[in-house]
Amino acid sequence: MLSLDLGPLALGVPQAILLGSLLLAVAVGWWLGRAQGVNPEGRLFALLVVAVVIARLVFVLAYAEEYESAPWQVLDIRDGGFVPWPGILAALALAGWWSWRRPRLRRPLGAGLTIGLAAWVGASYLWHTSESDNRLPPLVLHDAQGVPVELEDHLGKPLVINLWATWCPPCRREMPVLAEFQRRAPEVTFLFVNEGEPPQTVQAYLAKEGLALDNLLLDADSQLGQAVGSHALPTTLFYDADGRRLGVHLGEFSRASLAATLLSLDMLERLPTGDAAIVDRP
């Protein structure tokens, strides 16, 4: 399972785990601090903000070159570009300082933070472990001309599969980024799977936007999204050359976050930029 349905909305499992861990931390802190009239709720939310800001800042510094063409994307955290551990260490340092300044805060804040962090790490590990054995579904889709194509025909190289639709705004925003990386990283196969739309709609959209996509497939019944357990678009799946799933990303990619993902999953050792420069693994 990659996402949870909340009425008309779909929430990614990693985001659900983070939200649940935060609520658990707040509940524990409130319970332990009520006898002393101390509620660390506001401090716990502040620690989360500090962790997110620091984790984002470190990521942006590591991939600054990828933001040069679109610097405003630094503020768009929806791309998932974070380096978690510097943020966590900064939050722990701030929590330690607050506890030293206010002794009554130590027990509820420390316990809430510890349990919340343990819940986040443990649940994330269990989710990643449960997803790590998933393989490329043995499905048959169709190309733009209606010819049946087996997904497994694209194995043999690292494989990136993007699930998208023309009505999906983040799909449209990230499509030029994926098309660019299709050119920049020929050692990786990029497969674009449109979910639930007729060929005429897809072809008209690509022609209007001037996008030339190799390996375009049509999934009229959204079989692939159902098979991998994702009800959210865009969803991007990463497989090794043998069809074993390495990772998944729910939501929009920026140039930096896609570069970071390809490098972190060892799909590339280094990433050539558009002008043939080299971005090494940070």
C-alpha atoms as a PDB file:
ATOM      1  CA  MET A   1       0.000   0.000   0.000  1.00  0.00           C
ATOM      2  CA  LEU A   2       1.362   3.390  -1.039  1.00  0.00           C
ATOM      3  CA  SER A   3      -1.499   5.708  -0.145  1.00  0.00           C
ATOM      4  CA  LEU A   4      -4.564   5.943   2.084  1.00  0.00           C
ATOM      5  CA  ASP A   5      -7.965   7.157   0.910  1.00  0.00           C
ATOM      6  CA  LEU A   6      -9.457   9.929   3.050  1.00  0.00           C
ATOM      7  CA  GLY A   7     -12.730  10.620   1.297  1.00  0.00           C
ATOM      8  CA  PRO A   8     -11.868  12.426  -1.948  1.00  0.00           C
ATOM      9  CA  LEU A   9      -8.225  12.834  -0.887  1.00  0.00           C
ATOM     10  CA  ALA A  10      -5.330  10.377  -1.000  1.00  0.00           C
ATOM     11  CA  LEU A  11      -2.598  10.638   1.660  1.00  0.00           C
ATOM     12  CA  GLY A  12       0.761   8.986   1.129  1.00  0.00           C
ATOM     13  CA  VAL A  13       1.730   6.395   3.733  1.00  0.00           C
ATOM     14  CA  PRO A  14       4.959   8.266   4.715  1.00  0.00           C
ATOM     15  CA  GLN A  15       2.962  11.445   5.369  1.00  0.00           C
ATOM     16  CA  ALA A  16       0.379   9.453   7.343  1.00  0.00           C
ATOM     17  CA  ILE A  17       3.140   7.923   9.471  1.00  0.00           C
ATOM     18  CA  LEU A  18       4.634  11.361  10.204  1.00  0.00           C
ATOM     19  CA  LEU A  19       1.244  12.807  11.137  1.00  0.00           C
ATOM     20  CA  GLY A  20       0.406   9.841  13.369  1.00  0.00           C
ATOM     21  CA  SER A  21       3.786  10.029  15.106  1.00  0.00           C
ATOM     22  CA  LEU A  22       3.327  13.748  15.789  1.00  0.00           C
ATOM     23  CA  LEU A  23      -0.132  13.190  17.274  1.00  0.00           C
ATOM     24  CA  LEU A  24       1.250  10.390  19.452  1.00  0.00           C
ATOM     25  CA  ALA A  25       4.051  12.643  20.694  1.00  0.00           C
ATOM     26  CA  VAL A  26       1.556  15.406  21.532  1.00  0.00           C
ATOM     27  CA  ALA A  27      -0.731  12.970  23.383  1.00  0.00           C
ATOM     28  CA  VAL A  28       2.129  11.509  25.454  1.00  0.00           C
ATOM     29  CA  GLY A  29       3.513  14.955  26.294  1.00  0.00           C
ATOM     30  CA  TRP A  30       0.087  16.240  27.357  1.00  0.00           C
ATOM     31  CA  TRP A  31      -0.569  13.165  29.514  1.00  0.00           C
ATOM     32  CA  LEU A  32       2.732  13.376  31.376  1.00  0.00           C
ATOM     33  CA  GLY A  33       2.673  17.139  31.782  1.00  0.00           C
ATOM     34  CA  ARG A  34      -0.896  17.638  32.975  1.00  0.00           C
ATOM     35  CA  ALA A  35      -0.069  17.019  36.659  1.00  0.00           C
ATOM     36  CA  GLN A  36       2.441  19.891  36.575  1.00  0.00           C
ATOM     37  CA  GLY A  37       0.319  22.117  34.391  1.00  0.00           C
ATOM     38  CA  VAL A  38       2.779  21.864  31.488  1.00  0.00           C
ATOM     39  CA  ASN A  39       1.709  21.087  27.932  1.00  0.00           C
ATOM     40  CA  PRO A  40       4.560  20.672  25.421  1.00  0.00           C
ATOM     41  CA  GLU A  41       2.238  20.625  22.397  1.00  0.00           C
ATOM     42  CA  GLY A  42       3.396  23.967  21.015  1.00  0.00           C
ATOM     43  CA  ARG A  43       7.043  23.059  21.522  1.00  0.00           C
ATOM     44  CA  LEU A  44       6.605  19.725  19.717  1.00  0.00           C
ATOM     45  CA  PHE A  45       5.053  21.453  16.716  1.00  0.00           C
ATOM     46  CA  ALA A  46       7.884  23.994  16.756  1.00  0.00           C
ATOM     47  CA  LEU A  47      10.463  21.182  16.821  1.00  0.00           C
ATOM     48  CA  LEU A  48       8.826  19.638  13.748  1.00  0.00           C
ATOM     49  CA  VAL A  49       9.043  22.968  11.924  1.00  0.00           C
ATOM     50  CA  VAL A  50      12.726  23.336  12.856  1.00  0.00           C
ATOM     51  CA  ALA A  51      13.476  19.792  11.688  1.00  0.00           C
ATOM     52  CA  VAL A  52      11.714  20.366   8.357  1.00  0.00           C
ATOM     53  CA  VAL A  53      13.437  23.706   7.710  1.00  0.00           C
ATOM     54  CA  ILE A  54      16.928  22.388   8.498  1.00  0.00           C
ATOM     55  CA  ALA A  55      16.372  19.167   6.519  1.00  0.00           C
ATOM     56  CA  ARG A  56      15.201  21.236   3.543  1.00  0.00           C
ATOM     57  CA  LEU A  57      18.086  23.697   3.808  1.00  0.00           C
ATOM     58  CA  VAL A  58      20.685  20.919   3.811  1.00  0.00           C
ATOM     59  CA  PHE A  59      19.021  19.313   0.778  1.00  0.00           C
ATOM     60  CA  VAL A  60      18.934  22.601  -1.132  1.00  0.00           C
ATOM     61  CA  LEU A  61      22.608  23.234  -0.413  1.00  0.00           C
ATOM     62  CA  ALA A  62      23.513  19.721  -1.574  1.00  0.00           C
ATOM     63  CA  TYR A  63      21.591  20.109  -4.848  1.00  0.00           C
ATOM     64  CA  ALA A  64      21.911  23.865  -5.388  1.00  0.00           C
ATOM     65  CA  GLU A  65      22.934  23.385  -9.019  1.00  0.00           C
ATOM     66  CA  GLU A  66      19.633  21.692  -9.809  1.00  0.00           C
ATOM     67  CA  TYR A  67      17.708  24.739  -8.540  1.00  0.00           C
ATOM     68  CA  GLU A  68      19.588  27.301 -10.641  1.00  0.00           C
ATOM     69  CA  SER A  69      17.048  27.269 -13.484  1.00  0.00           C
ATOM     70  CA  ALA A  70      14.047  27.510 -11.114  1.00  0.00           C
ATOM     71  CA  PRO A  71      15.171  28.990  -7.765  1.00  0.00           C
ATOM     72  CA  TRP A  72      11.596  29.532  -6.542  1.00  0.00           C
ATOM     73  CA  GLN A  73      11.249  25.743  -6.221  1.00  0.00           C
ATOM     74  CA  VAL A  74      13.445  25.920  -3.125  1.00  0.00           C
ATOM     75  CA  LEU A  75      10.286  26.939  -1.221  1.00  0.00           C
ATOM     76  CA  ASP A  76       8.120  24.166  -2.682  1.00  0.00           C
ATOM     77  CA  ILE A  77       8.578  21.352  -0.169  1.00  0.00           C
ATOM     78  CA  ARG A  78       5.996  19.205  -1.955  1.00  0.00           C
ATOM     79  CA  ASP A  79       8.814  17.676  -4.006  1.00  0.00           C
ATOM     80  CA  GLY A  80       9.951  15.742  -0.923  1.00  0.00           C
ATOM     81  CA  GLY A  81      13.506  17.081  -1.014  1.00  0.00           C
ATOM     82  CA  PHE A  82      14.858  16.678   2.542  1.00  0.00           C
ATOM     83  CA  VAL A  83      17.935  15.303   4.302  1.00  0.00           C
ATOM     84  CA  PRO A  84      16.269  14.092   7.531  1.00  0.00           C
ATOM     85  CA  TRP A  85      19.080  13.532  10.022  1.00  0.00           C
ATOM     86  CA  PRO A  86      20.483  17.084  10.190  1.00  0.00           C
ATOM     87  CA  GLY A  87      16.938  18.266  10.868  1.00  0.00           C
ATOM     88  CA  ILE A  88      16.422  15.656  13.574  1.00  0.00           C
ATOM     89  CA  LEU A  89      19.713  16.552  15.274  1.00  0.00           C
ATOM     90  CA  ALA A  90      18.833  20.252  15.210  1.00  0.00           C
ATOM     91  CA  ALA A  91      15.423  19.531  16.778  1.00  0.00           C
ATOM     92  CA  LEU A  92      17.012  17.371  19.486  1.00  0.00           C
ATOM     93  CA  ALA A  93      19.510  20.111  20.287  1.00  0.00           C
ATOM     94  CA  LEU A  94      16.741  22.677  20.615  1.00  0.00           C
ATOM     95  CA  ALA A  95      14.669  20.302  22.775  1.00  0.00           C
ATOM     96  CA  GLY A  96      17.701  19.819  25.049  1.00  0.00           C
ATOM     97  CA  TRP A  97      18.138  23.582  25.430  1.00  0.00           C
ATOM     98  CA  TRP A  98      14.465  24.079  26.273  1.00  0.00           C
ATOM     99  CA  SER A  99      14.596  21.263  28.833  1.00  0.00           C
ATOM    100  CA  TRP A 100      17.661  22.779  30.472  1.00  0.00           C
ATOM    101  CA  ARG A 101      15.974  26.180  30.683  1.00  0.00           C
ATOM    102  CA  ARG A 102      12.648  24.792  32.016  1.00  0.00           C
ATOM    103  CA  PRO A 103      13.137  21.717  34.245  1.00  0.00           C
ATOM    104  CA  ARG A 104       9.377  21.054  34.507  1.00  0.00           C
ATOM    105  CA  LEU A 105       9.292  20.607  30.742  1.00  0.00           C
ATOM    106  CA  ARG A 106      11.943  17.877  30.662  1.00  0.00           C
ATOM    107  CA  ARG A 107       9.808  14.821  31.340  1.00  0.00           C
ATOM    108  CA  PRO A 108       6.753  15.535  29.129  1.00  0.00           C
ATOM    109  CA  LEU A 109       8.776  17.036  26.272  1.00  0.00           C
ATOM    110  CA  GLY A 110      11.493  14.367  26.402  1.00  0.00           C
ATOM    111  CA  ALA A 111       9.044  11.472  26.598  1.00  0.00           C
ATOM    112  CA  GLY A 112       6.788  12.858  23.867  1.00  0.00           C
ATOM    113  CA  LEU A 113       9.714  13.533  21.560  1.00  0.00           C
ATOM    114  CA  THR A 114      11.296  10.129  22.209  1.00  0.00           C
ATOM    115  CA  ILE A 115       8.104   8.146  21.667  1.00  0.00           C
ATOM    116  CA  GLY A 116       7.086  10.172  18.612  1.00  0.00           C
ATOM    117  CA  LEU A 117      10.514   9.782  17.014  1.00  0.00           C
ATOM    118  CA  ALA A 118      10.620   6.054  17.819  1.00  0.00           C
ATOM    119  CA  ALA A 119       7.143   5.595  16.321  1.00  0.00           C
ATOM    120  CA  TRP A 120       8.168   7.437  13.139  1.00  0.00           C
ATOM    121  CA  VAL A 121      11.403   5.463  12.705  1.00  0.00           C
ATOM    122  CA  GLY A 122       9.794   2.107  13.541  1.00  0.00           C
ATOM    123  CA  ALA A 123       6.691   2.538  11.397  1.00  0.00           C
ATOM    124  CA  SER A 124       8.746   3.869   8.471  1.00  0.00           C
ATOM    125  CA  TYR A 125      11.100   0.898   8.712  1.00  0.00           C
ATOM    126  CA  LEU A 126       8.225  -1.595   8.792  1.00  0.00           C
ATOM    127  CA  TRP A 127       6.559   0.066   5.814  1.00  0.00           C
ATOM    128  CA  HIS A 128       9.761   0.138   3.760  1.00  0.00           C
ATOM    129  CA  THR A 129      10.455  -3.491   4.675  1.00  0.00           C
ATOM    130  CA  SER A 130       6.974  -4.598   3.636  1.00  0.00           C
ATOM    131  CA  GLU A 131       7.316  -2.760   0.322  1.00  0.00           C
ATOM    132  CA  SER A 132      10.870  -3.867  -0.489  1.00  0.00           C
ATOM    133  CA  ASP A 133       9.907  -7.319  -1.805  1.00  0.00           C
ATOM    134  CA  ASN A 134       7.391  -5.986  -4.314  1.00  0.00           C
ATOM    135  CA  ARG A 135       8.190  -6.639  -7.927  1.00  0.00           C
ATOM    136  CA  LEU A 136       7.072  -5.152 -11.216  1.00  0.00           C
ATOM    137  CA  PRO A 137       3.481  -6.322 -11.814  1.00  0.00           C
ATOM    138  CA  PRO A 138       3.185  -8.678 -14.840  1.00  0.00           C
ATOM    139  CA  LEU A 139       0.657  -6.449 -16.623  1.00  0.00           C
ATOM    140  CA  VAL A 140      -0.076  -5.883 -20.293  1.00  0.00           C
ATOM    141  CA  LEU A 141      -0.872  -2.265 -21.225  1.00  0.00           C
ATOM    142  CA  HIS A 142      -1.118  -0.547 -24.628  1.00  0.00           C
ATOM    143  CA  ASP A 143       0.995   1.971 -26.488  1.00  0.00           C
ATOM    144  CA  ALA A 144      -0.453   5.046 -28.204  1.00  0.00           C
ATOM    145  CA  GLN A 145      -1.324   2.979 -31.291  1.00  0.00           C
ATOM    146  CA  GLY A 146      -3.214   0.396 -29.235  1.00  0.00           C
ATOM    147  CA  VAL A 147      -0.536  -2.301 -29.480  1.00  0.00           C
ATOM    148  CA  PRO A 148      -0.313  -4.520 -26.353  1.00  0.00           C
ATOM    149  CA  VAL A 149       2.966  -4.086 -24.409  1.00  0.00           C
ATOM    150  CA  GLU A 150       4.147  -6.124 -21.434  1.00  0.00           C
ATOM    151  CA  LEU A 151       5.690  -4.079 -18.639  1.00  0.00           C
ATOM    152  CA  GLU A 152       8.376  -6.723 -18.195  1.00  0.00           C
ATOM    153  CA  ASP A 153       9.602  -6.018 -21.742  1.00  0.00           C
ATOM    154  CA  HIS A 154      11.189  -2.837 -20.349  1.00  0.00           C
ATOM    155  CA  LEU A 155      13.428  -4.631 -17.848  1.00  0.00           C
ATOM    156  CA  GLY A 156      17.155  -5.033 -18.368  1.00  0.00           C
ATOM    157  CA  LYS A 157      18.038  -1.522 -17.177  1.00  0.00           C
ATOM    158  CA  PRO A 158      16.972   0.449 -14.108  1.00  0.00           C
ATOM    159  CA  LEU A 159      13.358   1.431 -14.649  1.00  0.00           C
ATOM    160  CA  VAL A 160      11.406   4.537 -13.597  1.00  0.00           C
ATOM    161  CA  ILE A 161       7.622   4.352 -14.075  1.00  0.00           C
ATOM    162  CA  ASN A 162       5.574   7.543 -13.801  1.00  0.00           C
ATOM    163  CA  LEU A 163       1.800   7.231 -13.308  1.00  0.00           C
ATOM    164  CA  TRP A 164       0.095  10.398 -14.513  1.00  0.00           C
ATOM    165  CA  ALA A 165      -2.981  11.991 -16.085  1.00  0.00           C
ATOM    166  CA  THR A 166      -3.564  15.168 -18.072  1.00  0.00           C
ATOM    167  CA  TRP A 167      -6.137  16.471 -15.531  1.00  0.00           C
ATOM    168  CA  CYS A 168      -3.582  16.285 -12.681  1.00  0.00           C
ATOM    169  CA  PRO A 169      -1.814  19.681 -12.094  1.00  0.00           C
ATOM    170  CA  PRO A 170       1.317  18.266 -10.344  1.00  0.00           C
ATOM    171  CA  CYS A 171       1.597  15.657 -13.105  1.00  0.00           C
ATOM    172  CA  ARG A 172       1.645  18.422 -15.700  1.00  0.00           C
ATOM    173  CA  ARG A 173       4.184  20.463 -13.737  1.00  0.00           C
ATOM    174  CA  GLU A 174       6.650  17.601 -13.322  1.00  0.00           C
ATOM    175  CA  MET A 175       6.333  16.155 -16.831  1.00  0.00           C
ATOM    176  CA  PRO A 176       9.011  18.460 -18.373  1.00  0.00           C
ATOM    177  CA  VAL A 177      11.400  17.427 -15.573  1.00  0.00           C
ATOM    178  CA  LEU A 178      10.878  13.719 -16.288  1.00  0.00           C
ATOM    179  CA  ALA A 179      11.183  14.290 -20.040  1.00  0.00           C
ATOM    180  CA  GLU A 180      14.453  16.154 -19.447  1.00  0.00           C
ATOM    181  CA  PHE A 181      15.871  13.338 -17.325  1.00  0.00           C
ATOM    182  CA  GLN A 182      14.862  10.848 -19.983  1.00  0.00           C
ATOM    183  CA  ARG A 183      17.389  12.627 -22.202  1.00  0.00           C
ATOM    184  CA  ARG A 184      19.995  13.248 -19.482  1.00  0.00           C
ATOM    185  CA  ALA A 185      20.108   9.686 -18.108  1.00  0.00           C
ATOM    186  CA  PRO A 186      19.891   7.234 -21.045  1.00  0.00           C
ATOM    187  CA  GLU A 187      21.176   4.403 -18.829  1.00  0.00           C
ATOM    188  CA  VAL A 188      17.785   4.466 -17.064  1.00  0.00           C
ATOM    189  CA  THR A 189      14.509   3.585 -18.807  1.00  0.00           C
ATOM    190  CA  PHE A 190      11.690   6.054 -18.160  1.00  0.00           C
ATOM    191  CA  LEU A 191       8.200   4.674 -18.701  1.00  0.00           C
ATOM    192  CA  PHE A 192       5.221   7.045 -18.760  1.00  0.00           C
ATOM    193  CA  VAL A 193       1.924   5.331 -17.923  1.00  0.00           C
ATOM    194  CA  ASN A 194      -1.223   7.405 -18.357  1.00  0.00           C
ATOM    195  CA  GLU A 195      -3.984   6.331 -16.002  1.00  0.00           C
ATOM    196  CA  GLY A 196      -7.556   6.099 -17.256  1.00  0.00           C
ATOM    197  CA  GLU A 197      -7.601   8.464 -20.250  1.00  0.00           C
ATOM    198  CA  PRO A 198      -8.289   7.827 -23.964  1.00  0.00           C
ATOM    199  CA  PRO A 199      -5.440   8.044 -26.505  1.00  0.00           C
ATOM    200  CA  GLN A 200      -6.858  11.183 -28.138  1.00  0.00           C
ATOM    201  CA  THR A 201      -6.748  13.136 -24.870  1.00  0.00           C
ATOM    202  CA  VAL A 202      -3.179  12.098 -24.137  1.00  0.00           C
ATOM    203  CA  GLN A 203      -1.856  12.794 -27.629  1.00  0.00           C
ATOM    204  CA  ALA A 204      -3.591  16.190 -27.787  1.00  0.00           C
ATOM    205  CA  TYR A 205      -2.038  17.207 -24.458  1.00  0.00           C
ATOM    206  CA  LEU A 206       1.485  16.136 -25.431  1.00  0.00           C
ATOM    207  CA  ALA A 207       1.219  17.895 -28.799  1.00  0.00           C
ATOM    208  CA  LYS A 208      -0.026  21.098 -27.162  1.00  0.00           C
ATOM    209  CA  GLU A 209       2.832  21.091 -24.629  1.00  0.00           C
ATOM    210  CA  GLY A 210       5.468  20.042 -27.168  1.00  0.00           C
ATOM    211  CA  LEU A 211       6.509  17.031 -25.081  1.00  0.00           C
ATOM    212  CA  ALA A 212       8.237  14.121 -26.795  1.00  0.00           C
ATOM    213  CA  LEU A 213       8.011  11.080 -24.526  1.00  0.00           C
ATOM    214  CA  ASP A 214       9.557   7.715 -25.258  1.00  0.00           C
ATOM    215  CA  ASN A 215       7.884   4.633 -23.787  1.00  0.00           C
ATOM    216  CA  LEU A 216       4.385   6.104 -23.453  1.00  0.00           C
ATOM    217  CA  LEU A 217       1.784   3.556 -22.360  1.00  0.00           C
ATOM    218  CA  LEU A 218      -1.967   3.834 -21.758  1.00  0.00           C
ATOM    219  CA  ASP A 219      -3.590   2.174 -18.758  1.00  0.00           C
ATOM    220  CA  ALA A 220      -7.283   2.652 -19.517  1.00  0.00           C
ATOM    221  CA  ASP A 221      -8.493   0.745 -16.437  1.00  0.00           C
ATOM    222  CA  SER A 222      -5.815   2.076 -14.034  1.00  0.00           C
ATOM    223  CA  GLN A 223      -4.568  -1.476 -13.495  1.00  0.00           C
ATOM    224  CA  LEU A 224      -1.060  -0.460 -12.521  1.00  0.00           C
ATOM    225  CA  GLY A 225      -2.173   2.016  -9.850  1.00  0.00           C
ATOM    226  CA  GLN A 226      -4.394  -0.650  -8.313  1.00  0.00           C
ATOM    227  CA  ALA A 227      -1.668  -3.295  -8.520  1.00  0.00           C
ATOM    228  CA  VAL A 228       0.884  -1.172  -6.627  1.00  0.00           C
ATOM    229  CA  GLY A 229      -1.660   0.171  -4.126  1.00  0.00           C
ATOM    230  CA  SER A 230      -1.579   3.838  -5.097  1.00  0.00           C
ATOM    231  CA  HIS A 231      -4.682   5.978  -5.570  1.00  0.00           C
ATOM    232  CA  ALA A 232      -2.728   9.235  -5.843  1.00  0.00           C
ATOM    233  CA  LEU A 233      -1.289  10.943  -8.909  1.00  0.00           C
ATOM    234  CA  PRO A 234       1.444  11.465  -9.734  1.00  0.00           C
ATOM    235  CA  THR A 235       3.100   8.303  -8.444  1.00  0.00           C
ATOM    236  CA  THR A 236       6.627   7.423  -9.544  1.00  0.00           C
ATOM    237  CA  LEU A 237       7.991   3.896  -9.064  1.00  0.00           C
ATOM    238  CA  PHE A 238      11.650   2.853  -9.184  1.00  0.00           C
ATOM    239  CA  TYR A 239      12.771  -0.671 -10.123  1.00  0.00           C
ATOM    240  CA  ASP A 240      16.140  -2.310 -10.638  1.00  0.00           C
ATOM    241  CA  ALA A 241      17.038  -4.093 -13.868  1.00  0.00           C
ATOM    242  CA  ASP A 242      15.471  -7.343 -12.591  1.00  0.00           C
ATOM    243  CA  GLY A 243      12.121  -5.785 -11.666  1.00  0.00           C
ATOM    244  CA  ARG A 244      12.587  -5.450  -7.896  1.00  0.00           C
ATOM    245  CA  ARG A 245      11.084  -2.258  -6.535  1.00  0.00           C
ATOM    246  CA  LEU A 246      13.664   0.051  -4.990  1.00  0.00           C
ATOM    247  CA  GLY A 247      11.507   2.991  -4.004  1.00  0.00           C
ATOM    248  CA  VAL A 248       8.433   5.090  -4.635  1.00  0.00           C
ATOM    249  CA  HIS A 249       7.632   8.802  -4.690  1.00  0.00           C
ATOM    250  CA  LEU A 250       4.129  10.195  -4.280  1.00  0.00           C
ATOM    251  CA  GLY A 251       3.627  13.706  -5.584  1.00  0.00           C
ATOM    252  CA  GLU A 252       5.498  16.134  -7.783  1.00  0.00           C
ATOM    253  CA  PHE A 253       9.218  15.914  -8.551  1.00  0.00           C
ATOM    254  CA  SER A 254      11.567  18.849  -8.949  1.00  0.00           C
ATOM    255  CA  ARG A 255      14.834  18.497 -10.838  1.00  0.00           C
ATOM    256  CA  ALA A 256      16.689  18.323  -7.525  1.00  0.00           C
ATOM    257  CA  SER A 257      14.448  15.747  -5.847  1.00  0.00           C
ATOM    258  CA  LEU A 258      14.479  13.470  -8.904  1.00  0.00           C
ATOM    259  CA  ALA A 259      18.283  13.718  -9.107  1.00  0.00           C
ATOM    260  CA  ALA A 260      18.562  12.933  -5.388  1.00  0.00           C
ATOM    261  CA  THR A 261      16.285   9.908  -5.696  1.00  0.00           C
ATOM    262  CA  LEU A 262      18.148   8.432  -8.666  1.00  0.00           C
ATOM    263  CA  LEU A 263      21.454   8.805  -6.847  1.00  0.00           C
ATOM    264  CA  SER A 264      20.225   7.548  -3.467  1.00  0.00           C
ATOM    265  CA  LEU A 265      18.777   4.380  -5.035  1.00  0.00           C
ATOM    266  CA  ASP A 266      22.077   3.703  -6.846  1.00  0.00           C
ATOM    267  CA  MET A 267      20.325   3.876 -10.195  1.00  0.00           C
ATOM    268  CA  LEU A 268      23.064   6.315 -11.207  1.00  0.00           C
ATOM    269  CA  GLU A 269      26.542   6.873  -9.836  1.00  0.00           C
ATOM    270  CA  ARG A 270      26.635  10.427 -11.118  1.00  0.00           C
ATOM    271  CA  LEU A 271      24.184  12.544 -13.013  1.00  0.00           C
ATOM    272  CA  PRO A 272      25.060  14.498 -16.200  1.00  0.00           C
ATOM    273  CA  THR A 273      23.423  17.915 -16.374  1.00  0.00           C
ATOM    274  CA  GLY A 274      22.044  19.448 -19.520  1.00  0.00           C
ATOM    275  CA  ASP A 275      25.380  21.088 -20.412  1.00  0.00           C
ATOM    276  CA  ALA A 276      27.331  17.835 -19.827  1.00  0.00           C
ATOM    277  CA  ALA A 277      28.629  18.906 -16.433  1.00  0.00           C
ATOM    278  CA  ILE A 278      28.628  16.308 -13.678  1.00  0.00           C
ATOM    279  CA  VAL A 279      26.733  16.298 -10.391  1.00  0.00           C
ATOM    280  CA  ASP A 280      28.364  13.791  -8.055  1.00  0.00           C
ATOM    281  CA  ARG A 281      26.650  11.981  -5.206  1.00  0.00           C
ATOM    282  CA  PRO A 282      26.606  14.335  -2.150  1.00  0.00           C
END
